[in-house]
Amino acid sequence: MTKTLFMQKAAIVKKIPKKRNEIIKGCLVKLKLTCGKKNCKCYTKGEKHTSLYLSKSVNGKTRMIYIPKRYEAKVKEYVKRHKQMQKVIEELSEINIKILKTGTEEK
């Protein structure tokens, strides 16, 4: 059984993203806003501007960080990668607890 646990652990470690240093913790939020310019389509036609923001907790307060269009794909990937890392960390934690309960040490 212990050998199986170590095999499971090895499989979990393989799930760690290769670009693990390229992560961002937060949630992506699309906001539709008006700019306030009298001659803009958002004011005249009601077609609001769509922007991507990163919602992040800083010192217990939620902060919204604007993401320029040119960085949207990169930031989406970084946030996705962070979520993947969180999942892998949780799986590793659970398997390590099971291994500790067996009293067996890794070689």
N, C-alpha and C. Protein backbone atom coordinates (compact mmCIF):
# COMPACT_ATOMS: atom_id res chain seq x y z
N MET A 1 0.83 -1.21 0.00
CA MET A 1 0.00 0.00 0.00
C MET A 1 0.87 1.26 0.00
N THR A 2 1.94 1.25 0.79
CA THR A 2 2.80 2.43 0.87
C THR A 2 3.45 2.73 -0.47
N LYS A 3 3.85 1.69 -1.19
CA LYS A 3 4.45 1.88 -2.51
C LYS A 3 3.46 2.57 -3.44
N THR A 4 2.21 2.19 -3.35
CA THR A 4 1.15 2.80 -4.16
C THR A 4 1.02 4.28 -3.82
N LEU A 5 1.10 4.61 -2.54
CA LEU A 5 1.01 6.02 -2.13
C LEU A 5 2.15 6.84 -2.72
N PHE A 6 3.36 6.28 -2.70
CA PHE A 6 4.50 7.00 -3.27
C PHE A 6 4.36 7.14 -4.79
N MET A 7 3.76 6.15 -5.43
CA MET A 7 3.52 6.24 -6.87
C MET A 7 2.48 7.33 -7.16
N GLN A 8 1.45 7.40 -6.31
CA GLN A 8 0.43 8.44 -6.46
C GLN A 8 1.07 9.82 -6.27
N LYS A 9 1.97 9.92 -5.28
CA LYS A 9 2.63 11.19 -5.02
C LYS A 9 3.46 11.61 -6.23
N ALA A 10 4.19 10.67 -6.81
CA ALA A 10 5.00 10.97 -8.00
C ALA A 10 4.12 11.46 -9.15
N ALA A 11 2.95 10.85 -9.29
CA ALA A 11 2.02 11.26 -10.35
C ALA A 11 1.50 12.68 -10.10
N ILE A 12 1.26 13.01 -8.85
CA ILE A 12 0.79 14.36 -8.50
C ILE A 12 1.88 15.39 -8.79
N VAL A 13 3.11 15.07 -8.42
CA VAL A 13 4.23 16.00 -8.65
C VAL A 13 4.38 16.32 -10.14
N LYS A 14 4.09 15.35 -10.99
CA LYS A 14 4.18 15.57 -12.44
C LYS A 14 3.14 16.58 -12.93
N LYS A 15 2.11 16.82 -12.14
CA LYS A 15 1.06 17.78 -12.52
C LYS A 15 1.48 19.23 -12.28
N ILE A 16 2.60 19.43 -11.58
CA ILE A 16 3.04 20.80 -11.30
C ILE A 16 3.36 21.47 -12.64
N PRO A 17 2.73 22.64 -12.88
CA PRO A 17 2.97 23.32 -14.16
C PRO A 17 4.44 23.66 -14.37
N LYS A 18 4.90 23.55 -15.60
CA LYS A 18 6.30 23.84 -15.92
C LYS A 18 6.65 25.31 -15.65
N LYS A 19 5.75 26.19 -15.93
CA LYS A 19 5.99 27.63 -15.72
C LYS A 19 5.42 28.05 -14.36
N ARG A 20 5.82 27.33 -13.33
CA ARG A 20 5.26 27.56 -11.99
C ARG A 20 5.62 28.91 -11.39
N ASN A 21 6.60 29.59 -11.96
CA ASN A 21 6.93 30.92 -11.46
C ASN A 21 6.10 32.01 -12.14
N GLU A 22 5.27 31.62 -13.10
CA GLU A 22 4.41 32.58 -13.80
C GLU A 22 2.97 32.36 -13.35
N ILE A 23 2.68 32.83 -12.14
CA ILE A 23 1.34 32.68 -11.58
C ILE A 23 0.88 34.01 -10.97
N ILE A 24 -0.42 34.18 -10.92
CA ILE A 24 -1.01 35.33 -10.25
C ILE A 24 -2.22 34.83 -9.47
N LYS A 25 -2.29 35.21 -8.21
CA LYS A 25 -3.44 34.86 -7.38
C LYS A 25 -4.48 35.97 -7.52
N GLY A 26 -5.70 35.57 -7.82
CA GLY A 26 -6.77 36.54 -7.96
C GLY A 26 -7.86 36.00 -8.86
N CYS A 27 -8.89 36.79 -9.04
CA CYS A 27 -10.01 36.42 -9.91
C CYS A 27 -10.14 37.47 -11.00
N LEU A 28 -10.45 37.01 -12.20
CA LEU A 28 -10.64 37.93 -13.31
C LEU A 28 -12.10 38.37 -13.38
N VAL A 29 -12.28 39.66 -13.59
CA VAL A 29 -13.62 40.24 -13.63
C VAL A 29 -13.72 41.14 -14.86
N LYS A 30 -14.80 40.96 -15.65
CA LYS A 30 -15.06 41.86 -16.78
C LYS A 30 -16.06 42.91 -16.31
N LEU A 31 -15.69 44.15 -16.53
CA LEU A 31 -16.58 45.25 -16.18
C LEU A 31 -16.98 46.01 -17.43
N LYS A 32 -18.23 46.44 -17.46
CA LYS A 32 -18.73 47.26 -18.55
C LYS A 32 -19.00 48.64 -17.97
N LEU A 33 -18.25 49.62 -18.49
CA LEU A 33 -18.29 50.96 -17.92
C LEU A 33 -18.53 52.01 -18.99
N THR A 34 -18.98 53.17 -18.54
CA THR A 34 -19.08 54.33 -19.43
C THR A 34 -17.92 55.26 -19.10
N CYS A 35 -17.38 55.90 -20.14
CA CYS A 35 -16.22 56.78 -19.93
C CYS A 35 -16.63 58.20 -19.57
N GLY A 36 -17.84 58.59 -19.92
CA GLY A 36 -18.31 59.93 -19.57
C GLY A 36 -18.14 60.97 -20.67
N LYS A 37 -17.52 60.61 -21.78
CA LYS A 37 -17.34 61.56 -22.89
C LYS A 37 -18.67 61.70 -23.63
N LYS A 38 -19.11 62.91 -23.82
CA LYS A 38 -20.42 63.18 -24.41
C LYS A 38 -20.57 62.65 -25.84
N ASN A 39 -19.50 62.58 -26.61
CA ASN A 39 -19.59 62.13 -28.00
C ASN A 39 -19.22 60.65 -28.17
N CYS A 40 -18.99 59.92 -27.09
CA CYS A 40 -18.61 58.51 -27.16
C CYS A 40 -19.85 57.63 -27.30
N LYS A 41 -19.66 56.48 -27.97
CA LYS A 41 -20.78 55.54 -28.18
C LYS A 41 -21.34 55.02 -26.85
N CYS A 42 -20.52 54.99 -25.82
CA CYS A 42 -21.03 54.51 -24.52
C CYS A 42 -22.03 55.51 -23.94
N TYR A 43 -21.85 56.75 -24.28
CA TYR A 43 -22.76 57.80 -23.79
C TYR A 43 -23.95 57.97 -24.72
N THR A 44 -23.70 57.97 -26.03
CA THR A 44 -24.78 58.25 -26.99
C THR A 44 -25.64 57.04 -27.31
N LYS A 45 -25.00 55.84 -27.42
CA LYS A 45 -25.73 54.64 -27.80
C LYS A 45 -25.89 53.63 -26.65
N GLY A 46 -25.24 53.89 -25.55
CA GLY A 46 -25.33 52.97 -24.42
C GLY A 46 -24.45 51.74 -24.56
N GLU A 47 -23.54 51.74 -25.55
CA GLU A 47 -22.62 50.61 -25.74
C GLU A 47 -21.41 50.82 -24.83
N LYS A 48 -21.42 50.16 -23.70
CA LYS A 48 -20.38 50.38 -22.70
C LYS A 48 -19.05 49.74 -23.10
N HIS A 49 -17.98 50.29 -22.56
CA HIS A 49 -16.63 49.76 -22.77
C HIS A 49 -16.43 48.55 -21.85
N THR A 50 -15.87 47.47 -22.40
CA THR A 50 -15.59 46.28 -21.61
C THR A 50 -14.11 46.23 -21.28
N SER A 51 -13.80 46.07 -20.02
CA SER A 51 -12.42 45.99 -19.57
C SER A 51 -12.25 44.81 -18.62
N LEU A 52 -11.06 44.25 -18.61
CA LEU A 52 -10.74 43.14 -17.72
C LEU A 52 -9.97 43.67 -16.51
N TYR A 53 -10.38 43.19 -15.34
CA TYR A 53 -9.72 43.57 -14.09
C TYR A 53 -9.35 42.32 -13.32
N LEU A 54 -8.30 42.43 -12.53
CA LEU A 54 -7.91 41.38 -11.60
C LEU A 54 -8.39 41.81 -10.23
N SER A 55 -9.25 40.99 -9.64
CA SER A 55 -9.74 41.25 -8.29
C SER A 55 -8.84 40.49 -7.33
N LYS A 56 -8.29 41.22 -6.34
CA LYS A 56 -7.30 40.64 -5.46
C LYS A 56 -7.45 41.23 -4.08
N SER A 57 -7.30 40.40 -3.07
CA SER A 57 -7.35 40.88 -1.69
C SER A 57 -5.96 41.31 -1.25
N VAL A 58 -5.85 42.54 -0.79
CA VAL A 58 -4.59 43.08 -0.29
C VAL A 58 -4.84 43.66 1.10
N ASN A 59 -4.19 43.07 2.10
CA ASN A 59 -4.37 43.51 3.49
C ASN A 59 -5.85 43.54 3.89
N GLY A 60 -6.58 42.54 3.47
CA GLY A 60 -7.99 42.42 3.84
C GLY A 60 -8.95 43.27 3.03
N LYS A 61 -8.45 44.00 2.05
CA LYS A 61 -9.31 44.84 1.22
C LYS A 61 -9.22 44.36 -0.23
N THR A 62 -10.36 44.36 -0.91
CA THR A 62 -10.39 43.95 -2.30
C THR A 62 -9.89 45.08 -3.18
N ARG A 63 -8.96 44.75 -4.04
CA ARG A 63 -8.40 45.71 -4.99
C ARG A 63 -8.71 45.23 -6.40
N MET A 64 -9.01 46.17 -7.27
CA MET A 64 -9.27 45.86 -8.67
C MET A 64 -8.13 46.46 -9.47
N ILE A 65 -7.43 45.60 -10.21
CA ILE A 65 -6.28 46.03 -11.00
C ILE A 65 -6.65 45.90 -12.48
N TYR A 66 -6.59 47.02 -13.19
CA TYR A 66 -6.91 47.03 -14.61
C TYR A 66 -5.87 46.22 -15.38
N ILE A 67 -6.35 45.40 -16.31
CA ILE A 67 -5.47 44.60 -17.16
C ILE A 67 -5.59 45.14 -18.59
N PRO A 68 -4.52 45.73 -19.12
CA PRO A 68 -4.57 46.23 -20.51
C PRO A 68 -4.83 45.08 -21.48
N LYS A 69 -5.47 45.38 -22.59
CA LYS A 69 -5.83 44.36 -23.59
C LYS A 69 -4.63 43.50 -23.99
N ARG A 70 -3.47 44.11 -24.15
CA ARG A 70 -2.29 43.36 -24.62
C ARG A 70 -1.82 42.32 -23.60
N TYR A 71 -2.24 42.43 -22.34
CA TYR A 71 -1.83 41.47 -21.32
C TYR A 71 -2.93 40.50 -20.90
N GLU A 72 -4.12 40.64 -21.48
CA GLU A 72 -5.26 39.81 -21.05
C GLU A 72 -4.98 38.32 -21.16
N ALA A 73 -4.47 37.85 -22.28
CA ALA A 73 -4.22 36.41 -22.47
C ALA A 73 -3.19 35.91 -21.46
N LYS A 74 -2.14 36.68 -21.27
CA LYS A 74 -1.07 36.29 -20.34
C LYS A 74 -1.59 36.21 -18.91
N VAL A 75 -2.36 37.22 -18.50
CA VAL A 75 -2.89 37.24 -17.14
C VAL A 75 -3.88 36.10 -16.93
N LYS A 76 -4.71 35.82 -17.92
CA LYS A 76 -5.64 34.69 -17.83
C LYS A 76 -4.88 33.39 -17.60
N GLU A 77 -3.78 33.21 -18.32
CA GLU A 77 -2.96 32.01 -18.18
C GLU A 77 -2.32 31.95 -16.79
N TYR A 78 -1.83 33.07 -16.31
CA TYR A 78 -1.20 33.12 -14.98
C TYR A 78 -2.20 32.76 -13.87
N VAL A 79 -3.41 33.30 -13.98
CA VAL A 79 -4.45 33.01 -12.98
C VAL A 79 -4.85 31.54 -13.05
N LYS A 80 -4.99 31.02 -14.25
CA LYS A 80 -5.32 29.60 -14.44
C LYS A 80 -4.23 28.72 -13.83
N ARG A 81 -2.99 29.09 -14.08
CA ARG A 81 -1.86 28.31 -13.56
C ARG A 81 -1.85 28.33 -12.02
N HIS A 82 -2.20 29.46 -11.44
CA HIS A 82 -2.26 29.54 -9.98
C HIS A 82 -3.30 28.57 -9.43
N LYS A 83 -4.44 28.51 -10.08
CA LYS A 83 -5.49 27.58 -9.64
C LYS A 83 -5.02 26.13 -9.77
N GLN A 84 -4.29 25.83 -10.85
CA GLN A 84 -3.73 24.49 -11.01
C GLN A 84 -2.76 24.17 -9.88
N MET A 85 -1.91 25.13 -9.55
CA MET A 85 -0.94 24.94 -8.47
C MET A 85 -1.65 24.70 -7.13
N GLN A 86 -2.69 25.45 -6.88
CA GLN A 86 -3.45 25.28 -5.63
C GLN A 86 -4.01 23.86 -5.54
N LYS A 87 -4.52 23.37 -6.65
CA LYS A 87 -5.08 22.02 -6.68
C LYS A 87 -3.99 20.98 -6.42
N VAL A 88 -2.84 21.15 -7.04
CA VAL A 88 -1.73 20.21 -6.85
C VAL A 88 -1.25 20.25 -5.41
N ILE A 89 -1.15 21.44 -4.83
CA ILE A 89 -0.72 21.57 -3.43
C ILE A 89 -1.68 20.84 -2.51
N GLU A 90 -2.96 20.97 -2.77
CA GLU A 90 -3.97 20.28 -1.95
C GLU A 90 -3.82 18.77 -2.07
N GLU A 91 -3.63 18.28 -3.30
CA GLU A 91 -3.46 16.84 -3.52
C GLU A 91 -2.19 16.33 -2.83
N LEU A 92 -1.09 17.10 -2.94
CA LEU A 92 0.16 16.69 -2.29
C LEU A 92 0.00 16.66 -0.77
N SER A 93 -0.69 17.63 -0.25
CA SER A 93 -0.92 17.67 1.19
C SER A 93 -1.67 16.43 1.66
N GLU A 94 -2.72 16.07 0.93
CA GLU A 94 -3.52 14.90 1.30
C GLU A 94 -2.70 13.60 1.21
N ILE A 95 -1.93 13.44 0.15
CA ILE A 95 -1.15 12.22 0.00
C ILE A 95 -0.04 12.15 1.05
N ASN A 96 0.56 13.30 1.38
CA ASN A 96 1.59 13.32 2.42
C ASN A 96 1.04 12.94 3.79
N ILE A 97 -0.18 13.35 4.08
CA ILE A 97 -0.82 12.95 5.34
C ILE A 97 -1.01 11.44 5.37
N LYS A 98 -1.47 10.87 4.26
CA LYS A 98 -1.65 9.42 4.19
C LYS A 98 -0.32 8.69 4.38
N ILE A 99 0.75 9.21 3.77
CA ILE A 99 2.06 8.60 3.89
C ILE A 99 2.54 8.68 5.33
N LEU A 100 2.37 9.84 5.95
CA LEU A 100 2.78 9.98 7.36
C LEU A 100 2.06 9.01 8.27
N LYS A 101 0.78 8.77 7.99
CA LYS A 101 0.00 7.83 8.81
C LYS A 101 0.52 6.40 8.71
N THR A 102 1.18 6.07 7.58
CA THR A 102 1.71 4.71 7.43
C THR A 102 3.01 4.54 8.20
N GLY A 103 3.65 5.66 8.55
CA GLY A 103 4.91 5.59 9.28
C GLY A 103 6.11 5.25 8.41
N THR A 104 5.95 5.29 7.11
CA THR A 104 7.02 4.95 6.18
C THR A 104 7.68 6.23 5.68
N GLU A 105 9.01 6.17 5.53
CA GLU A 105 9.74 7.34 5.02
C GLU A 105 10.10 7.12 3.56
N GLU A 106 10.20 8.25 2.83
CA GLU A 106 10.63 8.18 1.42
C GLU A 106 12.10 7.85 1.35
N LYS A 107 12.46 7.17 0.27
CA LYS A 107 13.88 6.84 0.06
C LYS A 107 14.52 7.87 -0.82
